[in-house]
Amino acid sequence: MEIIKTKIDGVVIVEPKVFGDHRGFFMESWSKRTFEEAGLHYDFVQDNHSSSTVKGTLRGIHFQRGDKAQAKLVRCARGAVLDVAVDLRPSSPTYKQWVAVELSEENKRQLMIPRGFGHGFVTLTDHVEFLYKADNYYAPKADGGIRWNDPELGIDWGVTDPVLSEKDTKSPFLKDAVTGFEDW
């Protein structure tokens, strides 16, 4: 695995070594040892899997508040997405900055997103299967979100009229949101 730093400290692209032949491929998608050798220490406790049928489906920007926050290792096993991590820690020098990375079944890249970040993705193809590991259990009462098109963040999703859930349509703008990261 190769660990590639991004412009935001702690957000890294994980590029696995893929071994392929006429039968298909093999890759190691997670190695605690490799991560720890790169200074990344996570203890994942939950795996999640989502499916999106239609190109242009946008999920996010989601996070869990405070001590229920989750670090996530995300990847796209089928299709392609533009994956986005947003720094929501007011005391961070990269507060409100974001990283966008294309993750696909072809490039097999993954994105490691630390706690204190919002996360979202938009599907670039139909029939997307998206997988992620989390280092904290889902806690419904700690669930939070930011509006996908918040002008304060200025995220370029590449779509103007995405397919959204009711929850994502009603998410507040950052200026009105409670993230629980104020003391981070």
Protein backbone atom coordinates (compact mmCIF):
# COMPACT_ATOMS: atom_id res chain seq x y z
CA MET A 1 0.00 0.00 0.00
CA GLU A 2 1.12 3.51 -0.72
CA ILE A 3 -0.02 6.31 1.61
CA ILE A 4 -0.34 9.63 -0.26
CA LYS A 5 -0.66 12.88 1.72
CA THR A 6 -3.21 15.50 0.66
CA LYS A 7 -3.27 19.25 1.30
CA ILE A 8 -5.01 18.61 4.65
CA ASP A 9 -2.99 16.95 7.39
CA GLY A 10 -4.41 13.54 8.34
CA VAL A 11 -6.50 13.11 5.19
CA VAL A 12 -4.62 10.59 3.06
CA ILE A 13 -5.18 8.63 -0.11
CA VAL A 14 -4.49 4.93 0.25
CA GLU A 15 -3.38 3.30 -2.98
CA PRO A 16 -3.26 -0.48 -2.65
CA LYS A 17 -0.96 -2.78 -4.58
CA VAL A 18 -3.18 -4.70 -6.96
CA PHE A 19 -2.16 -8.08 -8.31
CA GLY A 20 -4.14 -9.05 -11.38
CA ASP A 21 -4.18 -11.78 -13.97
CA HIS A 22 -6.64 -13.48 -16.30
CA ARG A 23 -8.81 -14.53 -13.31
CA GLY A 24 -9.25 -11.05 -11.85
CA PHE A 25 -7.32 -9.34 -9.07
CA PHE A 26 -6.24 -9.48 -5.44
CA MET A 27 -5.50 -6.53 -3.17
CA GLU A 28 -5.04 -5.86 0.50
CA SER A 29 -7.63 -3.20 1.35
CA TRP A 30 -6.65 -2.74 5.01
CA SER A 31 -3.53 -3.45 7.04
CA LYS A 32 -3.21 -2.17 10.58
CA ARG A 33 0.56 -2.72 10.37
CA THR A 34 0.94 -0.66 7.17
CA PHE A 35 -1.15 2.16 8.61
CA GLU A 36 0.78 2.20 11.88
CA GLU A 37 4.09 2.25 10.00
CA ALA A 38 2.76 5.41 8.30
CA GLY A 39 1.81 6.92 11.68
CA LEU A 40 -1.92 6.28 11.25
CA HIS A 41 -3.43 4.60 14.30
CA TYR A 42 -7.05 3.50 13.95
CA ASP A 43 -9.09 0.75 15.53
CA PHE A 44 -12.03 0.17 13.20
CA VAL A 45 -15.17 -1.20 14.86
CA GLN A 46 -17.84 -1.01 12.14
CA ASP A 47 -18.05 -1.63 8.38
CA ASN A 48 -20.75 0.07 6.30
CA HIS A 49 -21.93 -0.50 2.74
CA SER A 50 -24.14 1.77 0.68
CA SER A 51 -25.62 1.38 -2.78
CA SER A 52 -26.65 4.20 -5.10
CA THR A 53 -28.55 3.37 -8.26
CA VAL A 54 -28.37 6.63 -10.20
CA LYS A 55 -25.47 8.78 -11.40
CA GLY A 56 -25.55 12.17 -9.66
CA THR A 57 -26.67 10.84 -6.27
CA LEU A 58 -25.06 12.95 -3.55
CA ARG A 59 -24.74 11.71 0.03
CA GLY A 60 -23.48 14.20 2.59
CA ILE A 61 -21.95 16.19 4.06
CA HIS A 62 -22.27 13.93 7.14
CA PHE A 63 -20.49 13.63 10.49
CA GLN A 64 -21.05 12.49 14.06
CA ARG A 65 -20.72 15.10 16.79
CA GLY A 66 -18.18 15.34 19.59
CA ASP A 67 -16.99 12.16 21.26
CA LYS A 68 -19.14 10.09 18.89
CA ALA A 69 -17.11 11.38 15.90
CA GLN A 70 -15.89 8.78 13.44
CA ALA A 71 -12.71 8.40 11.43
CA LYS A 72 -13.50 6.63 8.15
CA LEU A 73 -11.59 4.65 5.57
CA VAL A 74 -13.74 4.80 2.43
CA ARG A 75 -13.63 3.15 -0.99
CA CYS A 76 -15.78 2.52 -4.03
CA ALA A 77 -16.06 -1.17 -4.95
CA ARG A 78 -18.37 -0.66 -7.96
CA GLY A 79 -18.67 2.36 -10.22
CA ALA A 80 -17.06 5.69 -9.36
CA VAL A 81 -17.56 8.59 -6.94
CA LEU A 82 -16.10 11.97 -6.18
CA ASP A 83 -15.39 11.69 -2.47
CA VAL A 84 -15.07 14.80 -0.30
CA ALA A 85 -13.65 15.37 3.19
CA VAL A 86 -14.23 18.79 4.85
CA ASP A 87 -12.29 20.02 7.89
CA LEU A 88 -14.93 21.06 10.47
CA ARG A 89 -12.51 21.79 13.34
CA PRO A 90 -12.65 25.57 14.01
CA SER A 91 -9.20 25.61 15.64
CA SER A 92 -7.56 23.87 12.66
CA PRO A 93 -5.42 25.87 10.22
CA THR A 94 -7.34 24.10 7.43
CA TYR A 95 -10.82 24.80 8.86
CA LYS A 96 -13.47 24.82 6.07
CA GLN A 97 -11.00 23.46 3.53
CA TRP A 98 -11.85 20.30 1.64
CA VAL A 99 -10.22 17.53 -0.34
CA ALA A 100 -11.94 15.81 -3.26
CA VAL A 101 -10.68 12.51 -4.68
CA GLU A 102 -12.13 10.24 -7.33
CA LEU A 103 -12.54 6.74 -5.95
CA SER A 104 -13.54 3.97 -8.34
CA GLU A 105 -13.61 0.25 -8.89
CA GLU A 106 -10.89 0.84 -11.50
CA ASN A 107 -8.38 2.90 -9.49
CA LYS A 108 -9.14 1.06 -6.23
CA ARG A 109 -8.04 4.11 -4.24
CA GLN A 110 -9.30 4.71 -0.72
CA LEU A 111 -9.53 7.87 1.36
CA MET A 112 -8.71 8.02 5.07
CA ILE A 113 -10.75 10.72 6.82
CA PRO A 114 -9.93 11.54 10.46
CA ARG A 115 -12.38 12.53 13.18
CA GLY A 116 -13.48 16.16 13.04
CA PHE A 117 -14.29 16.06 9.34
CA GLY A 118 -17.50 16.06 7.36
CA HIS A 119 -17.77 13.50 4.59
CA GLY A 120 -19.78 13.16 1.43
CA PHE A 121 -19.69 11.80 -2.09
CA VAL A 122 -21.44 12.14 -5.40
CA THR A 123 -21.81 9.20 -7.76
CA LEU A 124 -20.12 9.58 -11.15
CA THR A 125 -21.73 6.44 -12.56
CA ASP A 126 -24.92 4.45 -12.15
CA HIS A 127 -24.89 1.45 -9.80
CA VAL A 128 -22.33 2.47 -7.17
CA GLU A 129 -21.30 0.28 -4.25
CA PHE A 130 -19.52 2.29 -1.53
CA LEU A 131 -17.77 0.77 1.49
CA TYR A 132 -16.36 2.33 4.60
CA LYS A 133 -14.78 1.38 7.88
CA ALA A 134 -15.49 3.51 10.97
CA ASP A 135 -13.54 3.74 14.20
CA ASN A 136 -16.61 4.54 16.31
CA TYR A 137 -20.11 3.07 16.33
CA TYR A 138 -22.95 4.96 14.68
CA ALA A 139 -24.87 7.01 17.24
CA PRO A 140 -28.15 8.41 15.84
CA LYS A 141 -28.36 11.22 18.43
CA ALA A 142 -24.88 12.44 17.40
CA ASP A 143 -25.69 12.45 13.68
CA GLY A 144 -25.05 15.75 11.94
CA GLY A 145 -24.82 17.27 8.50
CA ILE A 146 -23.92 20.35 6.48
CA ARG A 147 -25.73 21.46 3.32
CA TRP A 148 -23.94 20.04 0.28
CA ASN A 149 -23.95 23.39 -1.54
CA ASP A 150 -22.94 25.65 1.36
CA PRO A 151 -21.39 28.73 -0.30
CA GLU A 152 -19.04 29.16 2.67
CA LEU A 153 -17.37 25.86 1.70
CA GLY A 154 -17.64 26.22 -2.08
CA ILE A 155 -17.28 22.52 -2.85
CA ASP A 156 -17.15 21.74 -6.57
CA TRP A 157 -19.16 18.52 -6.79
CA GLY A 158 -19.40 18.66 -10.57
CA VAL A 159 -23.22 18.58 -10.41
CA THR A 160 -25.80 21.33 -10.03
CA ASP A 161 -28.95 19.27 -9.48
CA PRO A 162 -27.99 16.13 -7.55
CA VAL A 163 -30.29 13.36 -6.35
CA LEU A 164 -30.62 14.02 -2.60
CA SER A 165 -32.30 12.46 0.41
CA GLU A 166 -34.80 14.53 2.36
CA LYS A 167 -32.26 14.68 5.20
CA ASP A 168 -29.54 16.11 2.95
CA THR A 169 -31.97 18.63 1.42
CA LYS A 170 -32.73 19.99 4.90
CA SER A 171 -29.20 19.97 6.37
CA PRO A 172 -28.16 23.35 7.78
CA PHE A 173 -25.44 25.58 6.43
CA LEU A 174 -22.17 25.47 8.39
CA LYS A 175 -22.89 28.83 10.06
CA ASP A 176 -26.05 27.32 11.60
CA ALA A 177 -24.75 23.81 12.34
CA VAL A 178 -23.61 22.34 15.64
CA THR A 179 -20.65 20.09 14.92
CA GLY A 180 -19.32 19.35 18.41
CA PHE A 181 -15.78 20.06 17.14
CA GLU A 182 -15.49 23.56 18.62
CA ASP A 183 -12.84 22.50 21.17
CA TRP A 184 -10.81 20.35 18.77
